[in-house]
Amino acid sequence: MNTWEIIGWAGSVLVIVSLMVPSVRRFRVLNLAGSFIATVYNIYFGIWPYAAMNGVIVAIDAYWLWRLSREGDEERGYSVVEARGDDAVVVRFLDRHASAIAKSFPSFRRESLPEARALLIMHEEEIIGLFGMRVDGGIGHIVLDFVTERFRDFTPGAFLYNNKEIFAGMGVKKLELTMGQTTDPVYFAKQGFVDEGELLYRTI
C-alpha cells in the first residue's frame, strides 16, 4: 500500500468514525478532517465530482463549528431547573441511565439524593443531565454530576458551573468532591476544579 492509498483510507476511516460519535462538536471535527483529506486525495487524482462533494462538506462542517464556537449557552438552549431528589422525573432519569451513572460516578447512591439539592440540566425541552450536591456550611459536596452521552462536550457542565447565581442562591461558595467519586477527573479539571490530592474543589 503506497502513501496515497494510506491517505485515502485515513480520510474514509475518519468520516466513518465521525458518524459513530454522539457529540455534535466531535462529529463536526472528525467529519471535517476526513472530508478534507478526501478532498485533497480526489484533487490529486483528478476525481473532480468527489473532490467537489467533499469540499462542500468541509465548508459545511467549518461553518457549523464556527457557529458552535460563537453561540452562547443560552443560545444553545441550556437551562437548569431545581427539583427534589425524590421527584418522579428524577427517579425516572436515574432508572433510565443507571448503568451509565454507575460507570461515571461509581460511589453514587440514589438514597443520598433526596437529602441533597438536585438540579436537572435541560437542553431546550429535553432533560440531558442531573446534578446533585449536599450543602453544608457554604460548601456544596457533589454527589452526582451526569449528562447523557450525546451532550458530553463539556458545554452543559460549563453552563452549570459558570452560573454563579444558581450556587449563590443556595449559599454555596465552594464545590467539592473526592477523587474516588468520579472516573473522569479530567472533566472536572476542565470545569475549573483544582486537584488537591484526593480532593477536587472549585470556588464559586
N, C-alpha and C. Protein backbone atom coordinates (compact mmCIF):
# COMPACT_ATOMS: atom_id res chain seq x y z
N MET A 1 0.85 -1.20 0.00
CA MET A 1 0.00 0.00 0.00
C MET A 1 0.89 1.25 0.00
N ASN A 2 0.71 2.11 -1.00
CA ASN A 2 1.54 3.31 -1.07
C ASN A 2 0.98 4.43 -0.20
N THR A 3 1.72 5.54 -0.17
CA THR A 3 1.36 6.65 0.71
C THR A 3 -0.02 7.21 0.41
N TRP A 4 -0.34 7.39 -0.87
CA TRP A 4 -1.63 7.98 -1.22
C TRP A 4 -2.80 7.06 -0.87
N GLU A 5 -2.59 5.76 -0.96
CA GLU A 5 -3.64 4.83 -0.56
C GLU A 5 -3.90 4.94 0.94
N ILE A 6 -2.82 5.07 1.72
CA ILE A 6 -2.96 5.23 3.17
C ILE A 6 -3.72 6.52 3.49
N ILE A 7 -3.38 7.61 2.79
CA ILE A 7 -4.07 8.88 2.99
C ILE A 7 -5.55 8.74 2.65
N GLY A 8 -5.85 8.10 1.54
CA GLY A 8 -7.25 7.91 1.14
C GLY A 8 -8.04 7.11 2.15
N TRP A 9 -7.44 6.01 2.62
CA TRP A 9 -8.12 5.20 3.63
C TRP A 9 -8.30 5.95 4.94
N ALA A 10 -7.30 6.75 5.32
CA ALA A 10 -7.40 7.53 6.56
C ALA A 10 -8.58 8.48 6.52
N GLY A 11 -8.78 9.15 5.39
CA GLY A 11 -9.93 10.04 5.25
C GLY A 11 -11.24 9.31 5.37
N SER A 12 -11.33 8.14 4.74
CA SER A 12 -12.56 7.35 4.80
C SER A 12 -12.85 6.89 6.23
N VAL A 13 -11.80 6.44 6.93
CA VAL A 13 -11.97 5.97 8.31
C VAL A 13 -12.47 7.10 9.21
N LEU A 14 -11.90 8.30 9.07
CA LEU A 14 -12.32 9.43 9.89
C LEU A 14 -13.79 9.78 9.66
N VAL A 15 -14.23 9.74 8.41
CA VAL A 15 -15.64 10.03 8.10
C VAL A 15 -16.54 8.98 8.74
N ILE A 16 -16.16 7.71 8.65
CA ILE A 16 -16.96 6.63 9.24
C ILE A 16 -17.01 6.77 10.76
N VAL A 17 -15.86 7.04 11.38
CA VAL A 17 -15.81 7.21 12.84
C VAL A 17 -16.67 8.38 13.28
N SER A 18 -16.67 9.46 12.50
CA SER A 18 -17.46 10.65 12.86
C SER A 18 -18.95 10.32 12.96
N LEU A 19 -19.42 9.39 12.15
CA LEU A 19 -20.83 9.02 12.16
C LEU A 19 -21.21 8.21 13.40
N MET A 20 -20.21 7.71 14.11
CA MET A 20 -20.48 6.92 15.32
C MET A 20 -20.32 7.72 16.60
N VAL A 21 -19.93 8.98 16.47
CA VAL A 21 -19.70 9.84 17.63
C VAL A 21 -20.97 10.58 18.00
N PRO A 22 -21.45 10.47 19.26
CA PRO A 22 -22.70 11.14 19.64
C PRO A 22 -22.59 12.65 19.79
N SER A 23 -21.40 13.15 20.16
CA SER A 23 -21.22 14.58 20.37
C SER A 23 -21.24 15.33 19.04
N VAL A 24 -22.07 16.37 18.96
CA VAL A 24 -22.19 17.15 17.73
C VAL A 24 -20.86 17.79 17.35
N ARG A 25 -20.18 18.38 18.32
CA ARG A 25 -18.92 19.07 18.04
C ARG A 25 -17.86 18.09 17.54
N ARG A 26 -17.74 16.95 18.21
CA ARG A 26 -16.74 15.96 17.79
C ARG A 26 -17.07 15.40 16.42
N PHE A 27 -18.36 15.20 16.17
CA PHE A 27 -18.77 14.74 14.84
C PHE A 27 -18.29 15.71 13.77
N ARG A 28 -18.52 17.01 14.00
CA ARG A 28 -18.13 18.01 13.00
C ARG A 28 -16.61 18.04 12.80
N VAL A 29 -15.85 17.95 13.89
CA VAL A 29 -14.38 17.99 13.78
C VAL A 29 -13.86 16.80 12.99
N LEU A 30 -14.32 15.60 13.35
CA LEU A 30 -13.85 14.39 12.66
C LEU A 30 -14.31 14.35 11.22
N ASN A 31 -15.56 14.76 10.99
CA ASN A 31 -16.10 14.76 9.64
C ASN A 31 -15.35 15.75 8.76
N LEU A 32 -15.03 16.91 9.32
CA LEU A 32 -14.27 17.92 8.57
C LEU A 32 -12.89 17.38 8.20
N ALA A 33 -12.21 16.77 9.18
CA ALA A 33 -10.86 16.25 8.93
C ALA A 33 -10.88 15.17 7.85
N GLY A 34 -11.84 14.24 7.97
CA GLY A 34 -11.93 13.17 6.98
C GLY A 34 -12.27 13.68 5.60
N SER A 35 -13.20 14.62 5.53
CA SER A 35 -13.61 15.17 4.24
C SER A 35 -12.50 16.01 3.61
N PHE A 36 -11.73 16.71 4.44
CA PHE A 36 -10.61 17.49 3.91
C PHE A 36 -9.56 16.57 3.28
N ILE A 37 -9.25 15.48 3.99
CA ILE A 37 -8.29 14.51 3.44
C ILE A 37 -8.81 13.93 2.13
N ALA A 38 -10.11 13.60 2.12
CA ALA A 38 -10.71 13.05 0.90
C ALA A 38 -10.68 14.05 -0.25
N THR A 39 -10.86 15.33 0.08
CA THR A 39 -10.81 16.38 -0.95
C THR A 39 -9.42 16.45 -1.59
N VAL A 40 -8.39 16.46 -0.74
CA VAL A 40 -7.01 16.50 -1.25
C VAL A 40 -6.71 15.27 -2.10
N TYR A 41 -7.14 14.11 -1.61
CA TYR A 41 -6.92 12.86 -2.34
C TYR A 41 -7.57 12.89 -3.71
N ASN A 42 -8.83 13.33 -3.76
CA ASN A 42 -9.56 13.35 -5.03
C ASN A 42 -9.02 14.39 -6.00
N ILE A 43 -8.56 15.52 -5.47
CA ILE A 43 -7.95 16.54 -6.34
C ILE A 43 -6.67 16.00 -6.96
N TYR A 44 -5.87 15.33 -6.14
CA TYR A 44 -4.59 14.80 -6.62
C TYR A 44 -4.79 13.83 -7.78
N PHE A 45 -5.84 13.00 -7.67
CA PHE A 45 -6.09 12.01 -8.71
C PHE A 45 -7.11 12.47 -9.76
N GLY A 46 -7.52 13.73 -9.66
CA GLY A 46 -8.41 14.31 -10.65
C GLY A 46 -9.82 13.74 -10.64
N ILE A 47 -10.28 13.30 -9.46
CA ILE A 47 -11.64 12.78 -9.33
C ILE A 47 -12.52 13.96 -8.91
N TRP A 48 -12.88 14.78 -9.86
CA TRP A 48 -13.46 16.09 -9.56
C TRP A 48 -14.85 16.05 -8.93
N PRO A 49 -15.76 15.17 -9.32
CA PRO A 49 -17.07 15.16 -8.65
C PRO A 49 -16.96 14.90 -7.14
N TYR A 50 -16.10 13.93 -6.76
CA TYR A 50 -15.92 13.63 -5.34
C TYR A 50 -15.12 14.72 -4.63
N ALA A 51 -14.20 15.33 -5.35
CA ALA A 51 -13.45 16.45 -4.77
C ALA A 51 -14.40 17.59 -4.44
N ALA A 52 -15.32 17.89 -5.36
CA ALA A 52 -16.29 18.97 -5.14
C ALA A 52 -17.21 18.63 -3.98
N MET A 53 -17.71 17.39 -3.94
CA MET A 53 -18.62 16.98 -2.87
C MET A 53 -17.95 17.10 -1.50
N ASN A 54 -16.75 16.57 -1.38
CA ASN A 54 -16.05 16.62 -0.09
C ASN A 54 -15.65 18.04 0.27
N GLY A 55 -15.33 18.85 -0.73
CA GLY A 55 -15.02 20.25 -0.46
C GLY A 55 -16.20 20.99 0.13
N VAL A 56 -17.40 20.71 -0.39
CA VAL A 56 -18.62 21.32 0.15
C VAL A 56 -18.86 20.85 1.58
N ILE A 57 -18.64 19.55 1.85
CA ILE A 57 -18.81 19.03 3.21
C ILE A 57 -17.86 19.71 4.18
N VAL A 58 -16.61 19.94 3.75
CA VAL A 58 -15.64 20.66 4.58
C VAL A 58 -16.16 22.05 4.92
N ALA A 59 -16.69 22.75 3.92
CA ALA A 59 -17.22 24.10 4.14
C ALA A 59 -18.40 24.08 5.11
N ILE A 60 -19.29 23.09 4.96
CA ILE A 60 -20.45 22.99 5.85
C ILE A 60 -20.01 22.71 7.29
N ASP A 61 -19.09 21.75 7.46
CA ASP A 61 -18.59 21.44 8.80
C ASP A 61 -17.90 22.64 9.43
N ALA A 62 -17.10 23.35 8.64
CA ALA A 62 -16.40 24.53 9.15
C ALA A 62 -17.39 25.60 9.60
N TYR A 63 -18.46 25.78 8.83
CA TYR A 63 -19.48 26.77 9.18
C TYR A 63 -20.13 26.43 10.52
N TRP A 64 -20.51 25.15 10.69
CA TRP A 64 -21.20 24.78 11.92
C TRP A 64 -20.27 24.79 13.12
N LEU A 65 -19.00 24.48 12.93
CA LEU A 65 -18.05 24.61 14.03
C LEU A 65 -17.88 26.07 14.43
N TRP A 66 -17.88 26.95 13.45
CA TRP A 66 -17.82 28.39 13.72
C TRP A 66 -19.05 28.83 14.50
N ARG A 67 -20.22 28.34 14.09
CA ARG A 67 -21.46 28.68 14.80
C ARG A 67 -21.42 28.17 16.24
N LEU A 68 -20.96 26.94 16.42
CA LEU A 68 -20.90 26.36 17.76
C LEU A 68 -19.95 27.13 18.67
N SER A 69 -18.85 27.64 18.09
CA SER A 69 -17.87 28.38 18.89
C SER A 69 -18.38 29.77 19.27
N ARG A 70 -19.30 30.32 18.49
CA ARG A 70 -19.81 31.66 18.74
C ARG A 70 -21.07 31.68 19.60
N GLU A 71 -21.83 30.61 19.54
CA GLU A 71 -23.09 30.60 20.27
C GLU A 71 -22.84 30.49 21.76
N GLY A 72 -23.57 31.28 22.52
CA GLY A 72 -23.51 31.18 23.96
C GLY A 72 -24.36 30.02 24.44
N ASP A 73 -24.26 29.72 25.74
CA ASP A 73 -25.01 28.60 26.29
C ASP A 73 -26.51 28.81 26.20
N GLU A 74 -26.97 30.05 26.39
CA GLU A 74 -28.40 30.31 26.31
C GLU A 74 -28.89 30.09 24.89
N GLU A 75 -28.08 30.51 23.90
CA GLU A 75 -28.46 30.30 22.51
C GLU A 75 -28.53 28.82 22.18
N ARG A 76 -27.66 28.05 22.80
CA ARG A 76 -27.67 26.62 22.56
C ARG A 76 -28.82 25.95 23.30
N GLY A 77 -29.51 26.67 24.15
CA GLY A 77 -30.71 26.15 24.77
C GLY A 77 -30.53 25.48 26.11
N TYR A 78 -29.41 25.74 26.81
CA TYR A 78 -29.21 25.12 28.12
C TYR A 78 -29.94 25.89 29.21
N SER A 79 -30.44 25.16 30.17
CA SER A 79 -31.05 25.77 31.35
C SER A 79 -30.97 24.77 32.50
N VAL A 80 -31.21 25.26 33.70
CA VAL A 80 -31.16 24.41 34.89
C VAL A 80 -32.45 24.59 35.67
N VAL A 81 -33.04 23.48 36.09
CA VAL A 81 -34.29 23.51 36.84
C VAL A 81 -34.08 22.76 38.15
N GLU A 82 -34.39 23.42 39.27
CA GLU A 82 -34.23 22.75 40.56
C GLU A 82 -35.37 21.76 40.77
N ALA A 83 -35.04 20.63 41.36
CA ALA A 83 -36.03 19.59 41.61
C ALA A 83 -35.74 18.91 42.94
N ARG A 84 -36.71 18.14 43.41
CA ARG A 84 -36.49 17.33 44.60
C ARG A 84 -35.87 16.00 44.18
N GLY A 85 -35.03 15.48 45.04
CA GLY A 85 -34.35 14.24 44.71
C GLY A 85 -35.27 13.05 44.55
N ASP A 86 -36.47 13.14 45.14
CA ASP A 86 -37.42 12.04 45.04
C ASP A 86 -38.57 12.34 44.07
N ASP A 87 -38.44 13.42 43.28
CA ASP A 87 -39.45 13.70 42.26
C ASP A 87 -39.50 12.57 41.24
N ALA A 88 -40.67 12.33 40.70
CA ALA A 88 -40.85 11.23 39.75
C ALA A 88 -39.94 11.37 38.54
N VAL A 89 -39.77 12.61 38.05
CA VAL A 89 -38.94 12.81 36.86
C VAL A 89 -37.47 12.50 37.15
N VAL A 90 -37.03 12.80 38.37
CA VAL A 90 -35.65 12.49 38.77
C VAL A 90 -35.46 10.98 38.90
N VAL A 91 -36.43 10.33 39.54
CA VAL A 91 -36.37 8.88 39.70
C VAL A 91 -36.34 8.19 38.34
N ARG A 92 -37.17 8.69 37.42
CA ARG A 92 -37.22 8.12 36.07
C ARG A 92 -35.88 8.29 35.36
N PHE A 93 -35.27 9.46 35.49
CA PHE A 93 -33.97 9.71 34.87
C PHE A 93 -32.91 8.78 35.44
N LEU A 94 -32.92 8.59 36.75
CA LEU A 94 -31.95 7.70 37.39
C LEU A 94 -32.13 6.26 36.94
N ASP A 95 -33.38 5.84 36.81
CA ASP A 95 -33.66 4.47 36.35
C ASP A 95 -33.15 4.26 34.93
N ARG A 96 -33.43 5.24 34.09
CA ARG A 96 -33.10 5.11 32.67
C ARG A 96 -31.60 5.09 32.42
N HIS A 97 -30.84 5.83 33.23
CA HIS A 97 -29.40 5.97 33.00
C HIS A 97 -28.57 5.34 34.11
N ALA A 98 -29.13 4.38 34.81
CA ALA A 98 -28.47 3.78 35.98
C ALA A 98 -27.09 3.21 35.65
N SER A 99 -26.98 2.46 34.56
CA SER A 99 -25.70 1.82 34.24
C SER A 99 -24.63 2.84 33.87
N ALA A 100 -25.01 3.87 33.10
CA ALA A 100 -24.05 4.90 32.71
C ALA A 100 -23.62 5.73 33.91
N ILE A 101 -24.56 6.01 34.81
CA ILE A 101 -24.22 6.76 36.03
C ILE A 101 -23.25 5.96 36.88
N ALA A 102 -23.48 4.65 36.99
CA ALA A 102 -22.60 3.79 37.79
C ALA A 102 -21.18 3.78 37.25
N LYS A 103 -21.03 3.92 35.94
CA LYS A 103 -19.70 3.93 35.33
C LYS A 103 -18.97 5.24 35.58
N SER A 104 -19.68 6.36 35.56
CA SER A 104 -19.03 7.66 35.71
C SER A 104 -18.95 8.12 37.16
N PHE A 105 -19.93 7.72 37.99
CA PHE A 105 -19.96 8.08 39.41
C PHE A 105 -20.20 6.81 40.22
N PRO A 106 -19.22 5.91 40.31
CA PRO A 106 -19.43 4.60 40.91
C PRO A 106 -19.86 4.61 42.37
N SER A 107 -19.52 5.66 43.10
CA SER A 107 -19.88 5.70 44.52
C SER A 107 -21.26 6.31 44.77
N PHE A 108 -21.94 6.76 43.70
CA PHE A 108 -23.24 7.40 43.88
C PHE A 108 -24.28 6.40 44.37
N ARG A 109 -25.04 6.82 45.36
CA ARG A 109 -26.17 6.05 45.86
C ARG A 109 -27.40 6.93 45.81
N ARG A 110 -28.43 6.45 45.14
CA ARG A 110 -29.61 7.29 44.95
C ARG A 110 -30.29 7.65 46.27
N GLU A 111 -30.04 6.87 47.33
CA GLU A 111 -30.63 7.20 48.62
C GLU A 111 -30.13 8.54 49.15
N SER A 112 -28.96 8.97 48.66
CA SER A 112 -28.39 10.24 49.12
C SER A 112 -29.03 11.44 48.45
N LEU A 113 -29.74 11.23 47.35
CA LEU A 113 -30.24 12.36 46.56
C LEU A 113 -31.40 13.10 47.21
N PRO A 114 -32.38 12.41 47.84
CA PRO A 114 -33.47 13.17 48.47
C PRO A 114 -33.00 14.16 49.53
N GLU A 115 -31.84 13.90 50.14
CA GLU A 115 -31.30 14.81 51.15
C GLU A 115 -30.43 15.90 50.53
N ALA A 116 -30.22 15.83 49.22
CA ALA A 116 -29.35 16.79 48.53
C ALA A 116 -30.18 17.77 47.71
N ARG A 117 -29.51 18.79 47.17
CA ARG A 117 -30.14 19.71 46.23
C ARG A 117 -29.95 19.13 44.84
N ALA A 118 -31.04 18.92 44.14
CA ALA A 118 -30.98 18.31 42.81
C ALA A 118 -31.27 19.36 41.74
N LEU A 119 -30.50 19.32 40.66
CA LEU A 119 -30.69 20.23 39.54
C LEU A 119 -30.78 19.41 38.26
N LEU A 120 -31.85 19.61 37.51
CA LEU A 120 -32.00 18.99 36.21
C LEU A 120 -31.37 19.90 35.17
N ILE A 121 -30.50 19.36 34.35
CA ILE A 121 -29.87 20.13 33.28
C ILE A 121 -30.66 19.89 32.00
N MET A 122 -31.13 20.96 31.41
CA MET A 122 -32.02 20.88 30.26
C MET A 122 -31.33 21.40 29.00
N HIS A 123 -31.70 20.80 27.87
CA HIS A 123 -31.38 21.38 26.57
C HIS A 123 -32.71 21.56 25.86
N GLU A 124 -33.14 22.82 25.77
CA GLU A 124 -34.48 23.14 25.28
C GLU A 124 -35.50 22.40 26.14
N GLU A 125 -36.25 21.44 25.59
CA GLU A 125 -37.26 20.74 26.39
C GLU A 125 -36.79 19.36 26.85
N GLU A 126 -35.54 19.02 26.60
CA GLU A 126 -35.03 17.68 26.91
C GLU A 126 -34.17 17.69 28.17
N ILE A 127 -34.40 16.72 29.06
CA ILE A 127 -33.56 16.56 30.24
C ILE A 127 -32.30 15.81 29.81
N ILE A 128 -31.16 16.45 29.94
CA ILE A 128 -29.91 15.83 29.47
C ILE A 128 -28.95 15.51 30.61
N GLY A 129 -29.26 15.96 31.81
CA GLY A 129 -28.33 15.70 32.90
C GLY A 129 -28.95 15.91 34.26
N LEU A 130 -28.23 15.44 35.27
CA LEU A 130 -28.68 15.58 36.65
C LEU A 130 -27.47 15.89 37.53
N PHE A 131 -27.63 16.92 38.36
CA PHE A 131 -26.57 17.33 39.27
C PHE A 131 -27.14 17.32 40.68
N GLY A 132 -26.39 16.77 41.61
CA GLY A 132 -26.83 16.75 43.00
C GLY A 132 -25.70 17.12 43.93
N MET A 133 -26.01 17.89 44.98
CA MET A 133 -24.99 18.23 45.96
C MET A 133 -25.64 18.39 47.33
N ARG A 134 -24.87 18.08 48.34
CA ARG A 134 -25.29 18.25 49.73
C ARG A 134 -24.61 19.50 50.25
N VAL A 135 -25.40 20.47 50.71
CA VAL A 135 -24.87 21.77 51.13
C VAL A 135 -24.63 21.76 52.64
N ASP A 136 -23.41 22.16 53.03
CA ASP A 136 -23.06 22.18 54.45
C ASP A 136 -22.05 23.30 54.68
N GLY A 137 -22.48 24.34 55.40
CA GLY A 137 -21.58 25.43 55.75
C GLY A 137 -20.97 26.15 54.58
N GLY A 138 -21.75 26.37 53.54
CA GLY A 138 -21.27 27.10 52.37
C GLY A 138 -20.52 26.24 51.38
N ILE A 139 -20.38 24.95 51.68
CA ILE A 139 -19.69 24.04 50.76
C ILE A 139 -20.70 23.09 50.14
N GLY A 140 -20.65 22.98 48.82
CA GLY A 140 -21.52 22.05 48.12
C GLY A 140 -20.76 20.76 47.85
N HIS A 141 -21.13 19.72 48.57
CA HIS A 141 -20.49 18.42 48.40
C HIS A 141 -21.21 17.68 47.27
N ILE A 142 -20.55 17.57 46.13
CA ILE A 142 -21.18 16.98 44.95
C ILE A 142 -21.40 15.49 45.15
N VAL A 143 -22.62 15.03 44.92
CA VAL A 143 -22.92 13.60 44.98
C VAL A 143 -23.12 13.02 43.58
N LEU A 144 -23.43 13.90 42.61
CA LEU A 144 -23.62 13.43 41.23
C LEU A 144 -23.50 14.58 40.25
N ASP A 145 -22.81 14.33 39.15
CA ASP A 145 -22.76 15.25 38.00
C ASP A 145 -22.75 14.37 36.76
N PHE A 146 -23.89 14.26 36.12
CA PHE A 146 -24.02 13.33 34.99
C PHE A 146 -24.79 13.98 33.86
N VAL A 147 -24.28 13.82 32.62
CA VAL A 147 -25.02 14.22 31.43
C VAL A 147 -25.05 13.05 30.46
N THR A 148 -26.08 13.01 29.64
CA THR A 148 -26.22 11.92 28.68
C THR A 148 -25.13 12.00 27.62
N GLU A 149 -24.86 10.88 27.00
CA GLU A 149 -23.70 10.75 26.11
C GLU A 149 -23.68 11.76 24.97
N ARG A 150 -24.83 12.06 24.42
CA ARG A 150 -24.90 12.95 23.26
C ARG A 150 -24.42 14.36 23.58
N PHE A 151 -24.41 14.74 24.86
CA PHE A 151 -24.06 16.11 25.23
C PHE A 151 -22.75 16.19 26.03
N ARG A 152 -21.92 15.16 25.93
CA ARG A 152 -20.67 15.16 26.69
C ARG A 152 -19.56 15.89 25.95
N ASP A 153 -19.76 17.19 25.74
CA ASP A 153 -18.73 18.01 25.11
C ASP A 153 -18.31 19.16 26.02
N PHE A 154 -18.56 19.00 27.33
CA PHE A 154 -18.17 19.94 28.38
C PHE A 154 -19.04 21.19 28.46
N THR A 155 -19.86 21.48 27.44
CA THR A 155 -20.63 22.72 27.48
C THR A 155 -21.76 22.72 28.51
N PRO A 156 -22.48 21.60 28.74
CA PRO A 156 -23.50 21.64 29.80
C PRO A 156 -22.88 21.91 31.17
N GLY A 157 -21.73 21.26 31.43
CA GLY A 157 -21.05 21.48 32.71
C GLY A 157 -20.55 22.91 32.84
N ALA A 158 -20.02 23.46 31.76
CA ALA A 158 -19.55 24.85 31.79
C ALA A 158 -20.70 25.80 32.08
N PHE A 159 -21.86 25.52 31.48
CA PHE A 159 -23.03 26.36 31.73
C PHE A 159 -23.41 26.31 33.20
N LEU A 160 -23.40 25.11 33.78
CA LEU A 160 -23.78 24.96 35.18
C LEU A 160 -22.78 25.63 36.11
N TYR A 161 -21.51 25.29 35.98
CA TYR A 161 -20.52 25.76 36.94
C TYR A 161 -20.20 27.24 36.80
N ASN A 162 -20.43 27.82 35.64
CA ASN A 162 -20.20 29.25 35.46
C ASN A 162 -21.40 30.10 35.83
N ASN A 163 -22.50 29.44 36.19
CA ASN A 163 -23.72 30.15 36.57
C ASN A 163 -23.69 30.40 38.08
N LYS A 164 -22.99 31.45 38.47
CA LYS A 164 -22.77 31.72 39.89
C LYS A 164 -24.07 32.00 40.65
N GLU A 165 -25.06 32.55 39.96
CA GLU A 165 -26.32 32.88 40.62
C GLU A 165 -27.00 31.65 41.21
N ILE A 166 -26.91 30.53 40.49
CA ILE A 166 -27.53 29.30 40.97
C ILE A 166 -26.97 28.90 42.32
N PHE A 167 -25.64 28.87 42.42
CA PHE A 167 -24.99 28.43 43.65
C PHE A 167 -25.08 29.49 44.75
N ALA A 168 -25.01 30.77 44.37
CA ALA A 168 -25.14 31.83 45.36
C ALA A 168 -26.51 31.78 46.02
N GLY A 169 -27.53 31.47 45.24
CA GLY A 169 -28.88 31.36 45.78
C GLY A 169 -29.04 30.23 46.77
N MET A 170 -28.13 29.27 46.73
CA MET A 170 -28.16 28.15 47.67
C MET A 170 -27.15 28.33 48.79
N GLY A 171 -26.47 29.48 48.79
CA GLY A 171 -25.49 29.75 49.83
C GLY A 171 -24.19 28.98 49.66
N VAL A 172 -23.89 28.56 48.43
CA VAL A 172 -22.69 27.76 48.17
C VAL A 172 -21.55 28.65 47.69
N LYS A 173 -20.41 28.56 48.35
CA LYS A 173 -19.24 29.34 47.97
C LYS A 173 -18.12 28.46 47.41
N LYS A 174 -18.25 27.17 47.63
CA LYS A 174 -17.21 26.24 47.20
C LYS A 174 -17.84 24.89 46.89
N LEU A 175 -17.33 24.23 45.84
CA LEU A 175 -17.81 22.91 45.46
C LEU A 175 -16.70 21.89 45.65
N GLU A 176 -17.07 20.72 46.17
CA GLU A 176 -16.06 19.70 46.44
C GLU A 176 -16.57 18.31 46.06
N LEU A 177 -15.63 17.44 45.71
CA LEU A 177 -15.89 16.00 45.61
C LEU A 177 -14.56 15.29 45.75
N THR A 178 -14.61 14.04 46.11
CA THR A 178 -13.37 13.28 46.26
C THR A 178 -12.98 12.66 44.93
N MET A 179 -11.70 12.39 44.76
CA MET A 179 -11.21 11.80 43.53
C MET A 179 -11.85 10.43 43.27
N GLY A 180 -12.14 9.71 44.35
CA GLY A 180 -12.72 8.38 44.21
C GLY A 180 -14.16 8.36 43.75
N GLN A 181 -14.83 9.51 43.78
CA GLN A 181 -16.23 9.55 43.36
C GLN A 181 -16.41 9.45 41.85
N THR A 182 -15.43 9.95 41.10
CA THR A 182 -15.57 10.05 39.65
C THR A 182 -14.53 9.22 38.91
N THR A 183 -14.91 8.74 37.75
CA THR A 183 -13.96 8.03 36.88
C THR A 183 -13.38 8.97 35.82
N ASP A 184 -13.78 10.24 35.86
CA ASP A 184 -13.32 11.20 34.85
C ASP A 184 -12.87 12.51 35.50
N PRO A 185 -11.74 12.49 36.23
CA PRO A 185 -11.25 13.73 36.85
C PRO A 185 -10.86 14.79 35.83
N VAL A 186 -10.55 14.38 34.60
CA VAL A 186 -10.20 15.35 33.56
C VAL A 186 -11.37 16.29 33.28
N TYR A 187 -12.59 15.75 33.32
CA TYR A 187 -13.78 16.57 33.12
C TYR A 187 -13.84 17.70 34.15
N PHE A 188 -13.60 17.36 35.40
CA PHE A 188 -13.66 18.37 36.45
C PHE A 188 -12.50 19.36 36.34
N ALA A 189 -11.34 18.89 35.91
CA ALA A 189 -10.22 19.81 35.69
C ALA A 189 -10.58 20.85 34.63
N LYS A 190 -11.26 20.41 33.58
CA LYS A 190 -11.66 21.33 32.52
C LYS A 190 -12.79 22.26 32.97
N GLN A 191 -13.47 21.91 34.05
CA GLN A 191 -14.51 22.78 34.59
C GLN A 191 -13.96 23.70 35.68
N GLY A 192 -12.65 23.73 35.84
CA GLY A 192 -12.03 24.67 36.77
C GLY A 192 -11.79 24.12 38.16
N PHE A 193 -11.93 22.81 38.35
CA PHE A 193 -11.67 22.22 39.66
C PHE A 193 -10.17 22.04 39.86
N VAL A 194 -9.74 22.24 41.09
CA VAL A 194 -8.33 22.11 41.46
C VAL A 194 -8.13 20.74 42.10
N ASP A 195 -7.07 20.07 41.70
CA ASP A 195 -6.73 18.75 42.24
C ASP A 195 -5.85 18.94 43.47
N GLU A 196 -6.35 18.53 44.62
CA GLU A 196 -5.60 18.63 45.87
C GLU A 196 -5.51 17.25 46.50
N GLY A 197 -4.72 16.40 45.88
CA GLY A 197 -4.60 15.03 46.37
C GLY A 197 -5.86 14.24 46.08
N GLU A 198 -6.55 13.85 47.13
CA GLU A 198 -7.79 13.07 46.97
C GLU A 198 -9.02 13.96 46.84
N LEU A 199 -8.82 15.27 46.87
CA LEU A 199 -9.94 16.21 46.82
C LEU A 199 -9.91 17.05 45.55
N LEU A 200 -11.07 17.23 44.95
CA LEU A 200 -11.24 18.16 43.84
C LEU A 200 -12.16 19.27 44.33
N TYR A 201 -11.76 20.53 44.11
CA TYR A 201 -12.60 21.63 44.58
C TYR A 201 -12.59 22.79 43.59
N ARG A 202 -13.63 23.59 43.69
CA ARG A 202 -13.77 24.78 42.83
C ARG A 202 -14.48 25.85 43.62
N THR A 203 -13.89 27.04 43.68
CA THR A 203 -14.56 28.15 44.35
C THR A 203 -15.55 28.80 43.39
N ILE A 204 -16.62 29.33 43.96
CA ILE A 204 -17.67 29.96 43.15
C ILE A 204 -17.42 31.47 43.09
